[in-house]
Amino acid sequence: MQQRPDPDSLIRLIRASMEDLQVRARQGDRIDMSALSHDIGALCEQLAVLPSETAEPYAGELEDLVAALDGLEAQLKETHGELTRRLEALAQPEGEPG
């Protein structure tokens, strides 16, 4: 028997994962986004098999997820820039301007 798609559960899981990744990125922790990628793929697969009238209400949720992904990307870029600046400062010989 095929399992019935449950996009609501996946959306909650994806949101929680993104919140955790955002916190870890802010802290400069190394993060693995493979589980998030897998869950997003599974969500897309689940929505693709739903009748259009059932899937349509998820459009807003998907837009929110894209915005959250954009926020995560911005945080990762910001953290990367900060870590790069720190590394460059460490590589500067003492007494030389940075």
PDB file of N, CA and C in Angstrom:
ATOM      1  N   MET A   1       0.828  -1.179   0.000  1.00  0.00           N
ATOM      2  CA  MET A   1       0.000   0.000   0.000  1.00  0.00           C
ATOM      3  C   MET A   1       0.877   1.249   0.000  1.00  0.00           C
ATOM      4  N   GLN A   2       0.588   2.182  -0.875  1.00  0.00           N
ATOM      5  CA  GLN A   2       1.384   3.401  -0.981  1.00  0.00           C
ATOM      6  C   GLN A   2       0.989   4.377   0.116  1.00  0.00           C
ATOM      7  N   GLN A   3       2.004   4.998   0.707  1.00  0.00           N
ATOM      8  CA  GLN A   3       1.761   5.966   1.769  1.00  0.00           C
ATOM      9  C   GLN A   3       1.156   7.240   1.182  1.00  0.00           C
ATOM     10  N   ARG A   4       0.158   7.771   1.864  1.00  0.00           N
ATOM     11  CA  ARG A   4      -0.503   9.000   1.417  1.00  0.00           C
ATOM     12  C   ARG A   4       0.433  10.188   1.638  1.00  0.00           C
ATOM     13  N   PRO A   5       0.551  11.069   0.652  1.00  0.00           N
ATOM     14  CA  PRO A   5       1.417  12.240   0.827  1.00  0.00           C
ATOM     15  C   PRO A   5       0.979  13.068   2.037  1.00  0.00           C
ATOM     16  N   ASP A   6       1.965  13.557   2.779  1.00  0.00           N
ATOM     17  CA  ASP A   6       1.692  14.395   3.946  1.00  0.00           C
ATOM     18  C   ASP A   6       2.590  15.632   3.885  1.00  0.00           C
ATOM     19  N   PRO A   7       2.259  16.567   2.980  1.00  0.00           N
ATOM     20  CA  PRO A   7       3.096  17.754   2.833  1.00  0.00           C
ATOM     21  C   PRO A   7       3.181  18.596   4.103  1.00  0.00           C
ATOM     22  N   ASP A   8       2.124  18.624   4.891  1.00  0.00           N
ATOM     23  CA  ASP A   8       2.132  19.446   6.109  1.00  0.00           C
ATOM     24  C   ASP A   8       3.245  19.025   7.070  1.00  0.00           C
ATOM     25  N   SER A   9       3.412  17.727   7.244  1.00  0.00           N
ATOM     26  CA  SER A   9       4.483  17.229   8.126  1.00  0.00           C
ATOM     27  C   SER A   9       5.852  17.591   7.577  1.00  0.00           C
ATOM     28  N   LEU A  10       6.018  17.445   6.276  1.00  0.00           N
ATOM     29  CA  LEU A  10       7.312  17.774   5.669  1.00  0.00           C
ATOM     30  C   LEU A  10       7.599  19.269   5.767  1.00  0.00           C
ATOM     31  N   ILE A  11       6.587  20.088   5.587  1.00  0.00           N
ATOM     32  CA  ILE A  11       6.791  21.535   5.699  1.00  0.00           C
ATOM     33  C   ILE A  11       7.241  21.891   7.109  1.00  0.00           C
ATOM     34  N   ARG A  12       6.613  21.294   8.121  1.00  0.00           N
ATOM     35  CA  ARG A  12       7.031  21.549   9.512  1.00  0.00           C
ATOM     36  C   ARG A  12       8.477  21.094   9.730  1.00  0.00           C
ATOM     37  N   LEU A  13       8.820  19.939   9.199  1.00  0.00           N
ATOM     38  CA  LEU A  13      10.181  19.410   9.336  1.00  0.00           C
ATOM     39  C   LEU A  13      11.187  20.315   8.639  1.00  0.00           C
ATOM     40  N   ILE A  14      10.850  20.779   7.443  1.00  0.00           N
ATOM     41  CA  ILE A  14      11.743  21.659   6.684  1.00  0.00           C
ATOM     42  C   ILE A  14      11.943  22.975   7.427  1.00  0.00           C
ATOM     43  N   ARG A  15      10.860  23.545   7.944  1.00  0.00           N
ATOM     44  CA  ARG A  15      10.968  24.804   8.699  1.00  0.00           C
ATOM     45  C   ARG A  15      11.870  24.643   9.925  1.00  0.00           C
ATOM     46  N   ALA A  16      11.683  23.545  10.655  1.00  0.00           N
ATOM     47  CA  ALA A  16      12.513  23.296  11.839  1.00  0.00           C
ATOM     48  C   ALA A  16      13.974  23.120  11.443  1.00  0.00           C
ATOM     49  N   SER A  17      14.216  22.413  10.348  1.00  0.00           N
ATOM     50  CA  SER A  17      15.588  22.206   9.875  1.00  0.00           C
ATOM     51  C   SER A  17      16.234  23.525   9.501  1.00  0.00           C
ATOM     52  N   MET A  18      15.476  24.377   8.807  1.00  0.00           N
ATOM     53  CA  MET A  18      16.030  25.659   8.381  1.00  0.00           C
ATOM     54  C   MET A  18      16.317  26.559   9.581  1.00  0.00           C
ATOM     55  N   GLU A  19      15.453  26.525  10.588  1.00  0.00           N
ATOM     56  CA  GLU A  19      15.706  27.324  11.797  1.00  0.00           C
ATOM     57  C   GLU A  19      16.981  26.857  12.483  1.00  0.00           C
ATOM     58  N   ASP A  20      17.145  25.534  12.581  1.00  0.00           N
ATOM     59  CA  ASP A  20      18.353  24.979  13.193  1.00  0.00           C
ATOM     60  C   ASP A  20      19.596  25.345  12.384  1.00  0.00           C
ATOM     61  N   LEU A  21      19.511  25.230  11.074  1.00  0.00           N
ATOM     62  CA  LEU A  21      20.644  25.572  10.217  1.00  0.00           C
ATOM     63  C   LEU A  21      20.991  27.049  10.330  1.00  0.00           C
ATOM     64  N   GLN A  22      19.980  27.898  10.435  1.00  0.00           N
ATOM     65  CA  GLN A  22      20.205  29.344  10.564  1.00  0.00           C
ATOM     66  C   GLN A  22      20.988  29.638  11.853  1.00  0.00           C
ATOM     67  N   VAL A  23      20.575  29.024  12.950  1.00  0.00           N
ATOM     68  CA  VAL A  23      21.266  29.225  14.233  1.00  0.00           C
ATOM     69  C   VAL A  23      22.700  28.729  14.131  1.00  0.00           C
ATOM     70  N   ARG A  24      22.867  27.538  13.576  1.00  0.00           N
ATOM     71  CA  ARG A  24      24.213  26.972  13.466  1.00  0.00           C
ATOM     72  C   ARG A  24      25.098  27.801  12.544  1.00  0.00           C
ATOM     73  N   ALA A  25      24.510  28.343  11.475  1.00  0.00           N
ATOM     74  CA  ALA A  25      25.278  29.197  10.564  1.00  0.00           C
ATOM     75  C   ALA A  25      25.712  30.469  11.273  1.00  0.00           C
ATOM     76  N   ARG A  26      24.801  31.068  12.059  1.00  0.00           N
ATOM     77  CA  ARG A  26      25.141  32.280  12.812  1.00  0.00           C
ATOM     78  C   ARG A  26      26.306  32.024  13.765  1.00  0.00           C
ATOM     79  N   GLN A  27      26.360  30.829  14.313  1.00  0.00           N
ATOM     80  CA  GLN A  27      27.419  30.473  15.264  1.00  0.00           C
ATOM     81  C   GLN A  27      28.721  30.098  14.565  1.00  0.00           C
ATOM     82  N   GLY A  28      28.660  29.976  13.244  1.00  0.00           N
ATOM     83  CA  GLY A  28      29.860  29.610  12.490  1.00  0.00           C
ATOM     84  C   GLY A  28      30.124  28.117  12.485  1.00  0.00           C
ATOM     85  N   ASP A  29      29.125  27.328  12.872  1.00  0.00           N
ATOM     86  CA  ASP A  29      29.276  25.874  12.872  1.00  0.00           C
ATOM     87  C   ASP A  29      29.265  25.346  11.445  1.00  0.00           C
ATOM     88  N   ARG A  30      29.909  24.242  11.259  1.00  0.00           N
ATOM     89  CA  ARG A  30      29.850  23.566   9.965  1.00  0.00           C
ATOM     90  C   ARG A  30      28.470  22.918   9.853  1.00  0.00           C
ATOM     91  N   ILE A  31      27.847  23.061   8.707  1.00  0.00           N
ATOM     92  CA  ILE A  31      26.509  22.496   8.553  1.00  0.00           C
ATOM     93  C   ILE A  31      26.435  21.606   7.320  1.00  0.00           C
ATOM     94  N   ASP A  32      25.536  20.648   7.393  1.00  0.00           N
ATOM     95  CA  ASP A  32      25.286  19.714   6.294  1.00  0.00           C
ATOM     96  C   ASP A  32      23.837  19.922   5.865  1.00  0.00           C
ATOM     97  N   MET A  33      23.649  20.307   4.630  1.00  0.00           N
ATOM     98  CA  MET A  33      22.311  20.602   4.140  1.00  0.00           C
ATOM     99  C   MET A  33      21.716  19.456   3.332  1.00  0.00           C
ATOM    100  N   SER A  34      22.337  18.279   3.367  1.00  0.00           N
ATOM    101  CA  SER A  34      21.841  17.166   2.553  1.00  0.00           C
ATOM    102  C   SER A  34      20.463  16.693   3.014  1.00  0.00           C
ATOM    103  N   ALA A  35      20.201  16.665   4.315  1.00  0.00           N
ATOM    104  CA  ALA A  35      18.881  16.238   4.797  1.00  0.00           C
ATOM    105  C   ALA A  35      17.816  17.246   4.372  1.00  0.00           C
ATOM    106  N   LEU A  36      18.140  18.532   4.457  1.00  0.00           N
ATOM    107  CA  LEU A  36      17.200  19.567   4.027  1.00  0.00           C
ATOM    108  C   LEU A  36      16.901  19.410   2.539  1.00  0.00           C
ATOM    109  N   SER A  37      17.921  19.190   1.752  1.00  0.00           N
ATOM    110  CA  SER A  37      17.751  19.001   0.315  1.00  0.00           C
ATOM    111  C   SER A  37      16.848  17.794   0.031  1.00  0.00           C
ATOM    112  N   HIS A  38      17.072  16.727   0.752  1.00  0.00           N
ATOM    113  CA  HIS A  38      16.260  15.517   0.587  1.00  0.00           C
ATOM    114  C   HIS A  38      14.800  15.796   0.933  1.00  0.00           C
ATOM    115  N   ASP A  39      14.571  16.489   2.047  1.00  0.00           N
ATOM    116  CA  ASP A  39      13.205  16.781   2.478  1.00  0.00           C
ATOM    117  C   ASP A  39      12.484  17.700   1.492  1.00  0.00           C
ATOM    118  N   ILE A  40      13.201  18.668   0.948  1.00  0.00           N
ATOM    119  CA  ILE A  40      12.592  19.561  -0.043  1.00  0.00           C
ATOM    120  C   ILE A  40      12.228  18.765  -1.302  1.00  0.00           C
ATOM    121  N   GLY A  41      13.097  17.865  -1.712  1.00  0.00           N
ATOM    122  CA  GLY A  41      12.792  17.002  -2.854  1.00  0.00           C
ATOM    123  C   GLY A  41      11.570  16.131  -2.593  1.00  0.00           C
ATOM    124  N   ALA A  42      11.492  15.579  -1.387  1.00  0.00           N
ATOM    125  CA  ALA A  42      10.340  14.748  -1.028  1.00  0.00           C
ATOM    126  C   ALA A  42       9.049  15.572  -1.027  1.00  0.00           C
ATOM    127  N   LEU A  43       9.125  16.812  -0.536  1.00  0.00           N
ATOM    128  CA  LEU A  43       7.955  17.684  -0.539  1.00  0.00           C
ATOM    129  C   LEU A  43       7.494  17.951  -1.971  1.00  0.00           C
ATOM    130  N   CYS A  44       8.430  18.254  -2.837  1.00  0.00           N
ATOM    131  CA  CYS A  44       8.078  18.501  -4.242  1.00  0.00           C
ATOM    132  C   CYS A  44       7.429  17.266  -4.866  1.00  0.00           C
ATOM    133  N   GLU A  45       7.965  16.100  -4.571  1.00  0.00           N
ATOM    134  CA  GLU A  45       7.383  14.855  -5.088  1.00  0.00           C
ATOM    135  C   GLU A  45       5.967  14.650  -4.563  1.00  0.00           C
ATOM    136  N   GLN A  46       5.758  14.926  -3.276  1.00  0.00           N
ATOM    137  CA  GLN A  46       4.430  14.758  -2.697  1.00  0.00           C
ATOM    138  C   GLN A  46       3.426  15.725  -3.320  1.00  0.00           C
ATOM    139  N   LEU A  47       3.837  16.962  -3.498  1.00  0.00           N
ATOM    140  CA  LEU A  47       2.925  17.953  -4.077  1.00  0.00           C
ATOM    141  C   LEU A  47       2.622  17.646  -5.538  1.00  0.00           C
ATOM    142  N   ALA A  48       3.589  17.068  -6.233  1.00  0.00           N
ATOM    143  CA  ALA A  48       3.414  16.775  -7.659  1.00  0.00           C
ATOM    144  C   ALA A  48       2.333  15.725  -7.912  1.00  0.00           C
ATOM    145  N   VAL A  49       2.097  14.835  -6.952  1.00  0.00           N
ATOM    146  CA  VAL A  49       1.113  13.765  -7.171  1.00  0.00           C
ATOM    147  C   VAL A  49      -0.280  14.146  -6.672  1.00  0.00           C
ATOM    148  N   LEU A  50      -0.380  15.274  -5.988  1.00  0.00           N
ATOM    149  CA  LEU A  50      -1.687  15.705  -5.495  1.00  0.00           C
ATOM    150  C   LEU A  50      -2.504  16.324  -6.621  1.00  0.00           C
ATOM    151  N   PRO A  51      -3.815  16.173  -6.553  1.00  0.00           N
ATOM    152  CA  PRO A  51      -4.654  16.896  -7.528  1.00  0.00           C
ATOM    153  C   PRO A  51      -4.410  18.396  -7.380  1.00  0.00           C
ATOM    154  N   SER A  52      -4.521  19.130  -8.472  1.00  0.00           N
ATOM    155  CA  SER A  52      -4.170  20.560  -8.448  1.00  0.00           C
ATOM    156  C   SER A  52      -4.967  21.339  -7.414  1.00  0.00           C
ATOM    157  N   GLU A  53      -6.238  21.006  -7.229  1.00  0.00           N
ATOM    158  CA  GLU A  53      -7.037  21.740  -6.250  1.00  0.00           C
ATOM    159  C   GLU A  53      -6.588  21.452  -4.818  1.00  0.00           C
ATOM    160  N   THR A  54      -5.956  20.319  -4.596  1.00  0.00           N
ATOM    161  CA  THR A  54      -5.426  19.992  -3.275  1.00  0.00           C
ATOM    162  C   THR A  54      -4.049  20.622  -3.074  1.00  0.00           C
ATOM    163  N   ALA A  55      -3.274  20.667  -4.140  1.00  0.00           N
ATOM    164  CA  ALA A  55      -1.910  21.202  -4.059  1.00  0.00           C
ATOM    165  C   ALA A  55      -1.870  22.725  -4.073  1.00  0.00           C
ATOM    166  N   GLU A  56      -2.837  23.349  -4.724  1.00  0.00           N
ATOM    167  CA  GLU A  56      -2.823  24.802  -4.894  1.00  0.00           C
ATOM    168  C   GLU A  56      -2.692  25.585  -3.584  1.00  0.00           C
ATOM    169  N   PRO A  57      -3.375  25.192  -2.518  1.00  0.00           N
ATOM    170  CA  PRO A  57      -3.237  25.954  -1.274  1.00  0.00           C
ATOM    171  C   PRO A  57      -1.811  25.962  -0.701  1.00  0.00           C
ATOM    172  N   TYR A  58      -0.953  25.078  -1.179  1.00  0.00           N
ATOM    173  CA  TYR A  58       0.424  25.031  -0.690  1.00  0.00           C
ATOM    174  C   TYR A  58       1.320  26.071  -1.364  1.00  0.00           C
ATOM    175  N   ALA A  59       0.799  26.787  -2.335  1.00  0.00           N
ATOM    176  CA  ALA A  59       1.610  27.784  -3.049  1.00  0.00           C
ATOM    177  C   ALA A  59       2.183  28.818  -2.081  1.00  0.00           C
ATOM    178  N   GLY A  60       1.371  29.306  -1.171  1.00  0.00           N
ATOM    179  CA  GLY A  60       1.846  30.282  -0.186  1.00  0.00           C
ATOM    180  C   GLY A  60       2.919  29.695   0.720  1.00  0.00           C
ATOM    181  N   GLU A  61       2.727  28.450   1.132  1.00  0.00           N
ATOM    182  CA  GLU A  61       3.723  27.773   1.974  1.00  0.00           C
ATOM    183  C   GLU A  61       5.055  27.662   1.236  1.00  0.00           C
ATOM    184  N   LEU A  62       4.977  27.332  -0.050  1.00  0.00           N
ATOM    185  CA  LEU A  62       6.198  27.208  -0.845  1.00  0.00           C
ATOM    186  C   LEU A  62       6.903  28.552  -0.986  1.00  0.00           C
ATOM    187  N   GLU A  63       6.137  29.610  -1.173  1.00  0.00           N
ATOM    188  CA  GLU A  63       6.729  30.945  -1.247  1.00  0.00           C
ATOM    189  C   GLU A  63       7.417  31.292   0.073  1.00  0.00           C
ATOM    190  N   ASP A  64       6.788  30.947   1.188  1.00  0.00           N
ATOM    191  CA  ASP A  64       7.397  31.195   2.499  1.00  0.00           C
ATOM    192  C   ASP A  64       8.689  30.401   2.663  1.00  0.00           C
ATOM    193  N   LEU A  65       8.687  29.144   2.181  1.00  0.00           N
ATOM    194  CA  LEU A  65       9.893  28.325   2.277  1.00  0.00           C
ATOM    195  C   LEU A  65      11.016  28.903   1.425  1.00  0.00           C
ATOM    196  N   VAL A  66      10.675  29.396   0.239  1.00  0.00           N
ATOM    197  CA  VAL A  66      11.692  30.016  -0.619  1.00  0.00           C
ATOM    198  C   VAL A  66      12.268  31.249   0.068  1.00  0.00           C
ATOM    199  N   ALA A  67      11.417  32.055   0.694  1.00  0.00           N
ATOM    200  CA  ALA A  67      11.901  33.233   1.419  1.00  0.00           C
ATOM    201  C   ALA A  67      12.807  32.813   2.577  1.00  0.00           C
ATOM    202  N   ALA A  68      12.432  31.756   3.273  1.00  0.00           N
ATOM    203  CA  ALA A  68      13.269  31.270   4.372  1.00  0.00           C
ATOM    204  C   ALA A  68      14.599  30.740   3.851  1.00  0.00           C
ATOM    205  N   LEU A  69      14.577  30.070   2.709  1.00  0.00           N
ATOM    206  CA  LEU A  69      15.827  29.604   2.098  1.00  0.00           C
ATOM    207  C   LEU A  69      16.708  30.778   1.696  1.00  0.00           C
ATOM    208  N   ASP A  70      16.083  31.835   1.175  1.00  0.00           N
ATOM    209  CA  ASP A  70      16.846  33.035   0.836  1.00  0.00           C
ATOM    210  C   ASP A  70      17.496  33.623   2.092  1.00  0.00           C
ATOM    211  N   GLY A  71      16.750  33.626   3.198  1.00  0.00           N
ATOM    212  CA  GLY A  71      17.302  34.116   4.461  1.00  0.00           C
ATOM    213  C   GLY A  71      18.457  33.260   4.943  1.00  0.00           C
ATOM    214  N   LEU A  72      18.321  31.944   4.791  1.00  0.00           N
ATOM    215  CA  LEU A  72      19.403  31.037   5.176  1.00  0.00           C
ATOM    216  C   LEU A  72      20.622  31.276   4.298  1.00  0.00           C
ATOM    217  N   GLU A  73      20.407  31.462   3.000  1.00  0.00           N
ATOM    218  CA  GLU A  73      21.520  31.750   2.096  1.00  0.00           C
ATOM    219  C   GLU A  73      22.234  33.036   2.509  1.00  0.00           C
ATOM    220  N   ALA A  74      21.464  34.065   2.819  1.00  0.00           N
ATOM    221  CA  ALA A  74      22.060  35.337   3.250  1.00  0.00           C
ATOM    222  C   ALA A  74      22.870  35.152   4.527  1.00  0.00           C
ATOM    223  N   GLN A  75      22.350  34.371   5.470  1.00  0.00           N
ATOM    224  CA  GLN A  75      23.072  34.124   6.718  1.00  0.00           C
ATOM    225  C   GLN A  75      24.361  33.371   6.450  1.00  0.00           C
ATOM    226  N   LEU A  76      24.308  32.376   5.577  1.00  0.00           N
ATOM    227  CA  LEU A  76      25.513  31.613   5.246  1.00  0.00           C
ATOM    228  C   LEU A  76      26.568  32.508   4.599  1.00  0.00           C
ATOM    229  N   LYS A  77      26.135  33.386   3.699  1.00  0.00           N
ATOM    230  CA  LYS A  77      27.079  34.307   3.060  1.00  0.00           C
ATOM    231  C   LYS A  77      27.678  35.267   4.075  1.00  0.00           C
ATOM    232  N   GLU A  78      26.847  35.772   4.976  1.00  0.00           N
ATOM    233  CA  GLU A  78      27.340  36.687   6.003  1.00  0.00           C
ATOM    234  C   GLU A  78      28.357  35.990   6.908  1.00  0.00           C
ATOM    235  N   THR A  79      28.022  34.791   7.340  1.00  0.00           N
ATOM    236  CA  THR A  79      28.927  34.036   8.208  1.00  0.00           C
ATOM    237  C   THR A  79      30.215  33.688   7.473  1.00  0.00           C
ATOM    238  N   HIS A  80      30.099  33.303   6.213  1.00  0.00           N
ATOM    239  CA  HIS A  80      31.282  32.987   5.416  1.00  0.00           C
ATOM    240  C   HIS A  80      32.189  34.211   5.319  1.00  0.00           C
ATOM    241  N   GLY A  81      31.590  35.371   5.053  1.00  0.00           N
ATOM    242  CA  GLY A  81      32.377  36.602   4.962  1.00  0.00           C
ATOM    243  C   GLY A  81      33.087  36.918   6.270  1.00  0.00           C
ATOM    244  N   GLU A  82      32.380  36.763   7.370  1.00  0.00           N
ATOM    245  CA  GLU A  82      32.983  37.036   8.685  1.00  0.00           C
ATOM    246  C   GLU A  82      34.130  36.064   8.971  1.00  0.00           C
ATOM    247  N   LEU A  83      33.920  34.789   8.698  1.00  0.00           N
ATOM    248  CA  LEU A  83      34.981  33.808   8.934  1.00  0.00           C
ATOM    249  C   LEU A  83      36.180  34.061   8.019  1.00  0.00           C
ATOM    250  N   THR A  84      35.919  34.470   6.787  1.00  0.00           N
ATOM    251  CA  THR A  84      37.005  34.802   5.857  1.00  0.00           C
ATOM    252  C   THR A  84      37.809  35.980   6.381  1.00  0.00           C
ATOM    253  N   ARG A  85      37.115  37.017   6.870  1.00  0.00           N
ATOM    254  CA  ARG A  85      37.817  38.180   7.429  1.00  0.00           C
ATOM    255  C   ARG A  85      38.673  37.777   8.633  1.00  0.00           C
ATOM    256  N   ARG A  86      38.146  36.907   9.468  1.00  0.00           N
ATOM    257  CA  ARG A  86      38.920  36.453  10.634  1.00  0.00           C
ATOM    258  C   ARG A  86      40.163  35.696  10.208  1.00  0.00           C
ATOM    259  N   LEU A  87      40.007  34.811   9.227  1.00  0.00           N
ATOM    260  CA  LEU A  87      41.158  34.046   8.745  1.00  0.00           C
ATOM    261  C   LEU A  87      42.208  34.947   8.115  1.00  0.00           C
ATOM    262  N   GLU A  88      41.753  35.919   7.347  1.00  0.00           N
ATOM    263  CA  GLU A  88      42.691  36.849   6.722  1.00  0.00           C
ATOM    264  C   GLU A  88      43.423  37.656   7.791  1.00  0.00           C
ATOM    265  N   ALA A  89      42.709  38.042   8.845  1.00  0.00           N
ATOM    266  CA  ALA A  89      43.349  38.794   9.928  1.00  0.00           C
ATOM    267  C   ALA A  89      44.392  37.951  10.638  1.00  0.00           C
ATOM    268  N   LEU A  90      44.108  36.677  10.789  1.00  0.00           N
ATOM    269  CA  LEU A  90      45.073  35.773  11.428  1.00  0.00           C
ATOM    270  C   LEU A  90      46.311  35.561  10.568  1.00  0.00           C
ATOM    271  N   ALA A  91      46.122  35.626   9.253  1.00  0.00           N
ATOM    272  CA  ALA A  91      47.226  35.392   8.329  1.00  0.00           C
ATOM    273  C   ALA A  91      48.137  36.626   8.184  1.00  0.00           C
ATOM    274  N   GLN A  92      47.640  37.802   8.603  1.00  0.00           N
ATOM    275  CA  GLN A  92      48.422  39.039   8.507  1.00  0.00           C
ATOM    276  C   GLN A  92      49.576  38.999   9.515  1.00  0.00           C
ATOM    277  N   PRO A  93      50.786  39.256   9.061  1.00  0.00           N
ATOM    278  CA  PRO A  93      51.889  39.375  10.029  1.00  0.00           C
ATOM    279  C   PRO A  93      51.603  40.555  10.960  1.00  0.00           C
ATOM    280  N   GLU A  94      51.992  40.421  12.201  1.00  0.00           N
ATOM    281  CA  GLU A  94      51.774  41.478  13.187  1.00  0.00           C
ATOM    282  C   GLU A  94      52.403  42.774  12.735  1.00  0.00           C
ATOM    283  N   GLY A  95      51.702  43.855  12.948  1.00  0.00           N
ATOM    284  CA  GLY A  95      52.220  45.166  12.609  1.00  0.00           C
ATOM    285  C   GLY A  95      51.876  45.612  11.204  1.00  0.00           C
ATOM    286  N   GLU A  96      51.390  44.700  10.366  1.00  0.00           N
ATOM    287  CA  GLU A  96      50.987  45.101   9.017  1.00  0.00           C
ATOM    288  C   GLU A  96      49.520  45.483   9.038  1.00  0.00           C
ATOM    289  N   PRO A  97      49.184  46.508   8.277  1.00  0.00           N
ATOM    290  CA  PRO A  97      47.768  46.915   8.235  1.00  0.00           C
ATOM    291  C   PRO A  97      46.918  45.829   7.577  1.00  0.00           C
ATOM    292  N   GLY A  98      45.625  45.702   8.045  1.00  0.00           N
ATOM    293  CA  GLY A  98      44.715  44.694   7.514  1.00  0.00           C
ATOM    294  C   GLY A  98      43.825  45.226   6.553  1.00  0.00           C
TER     295      GLY A  98
END
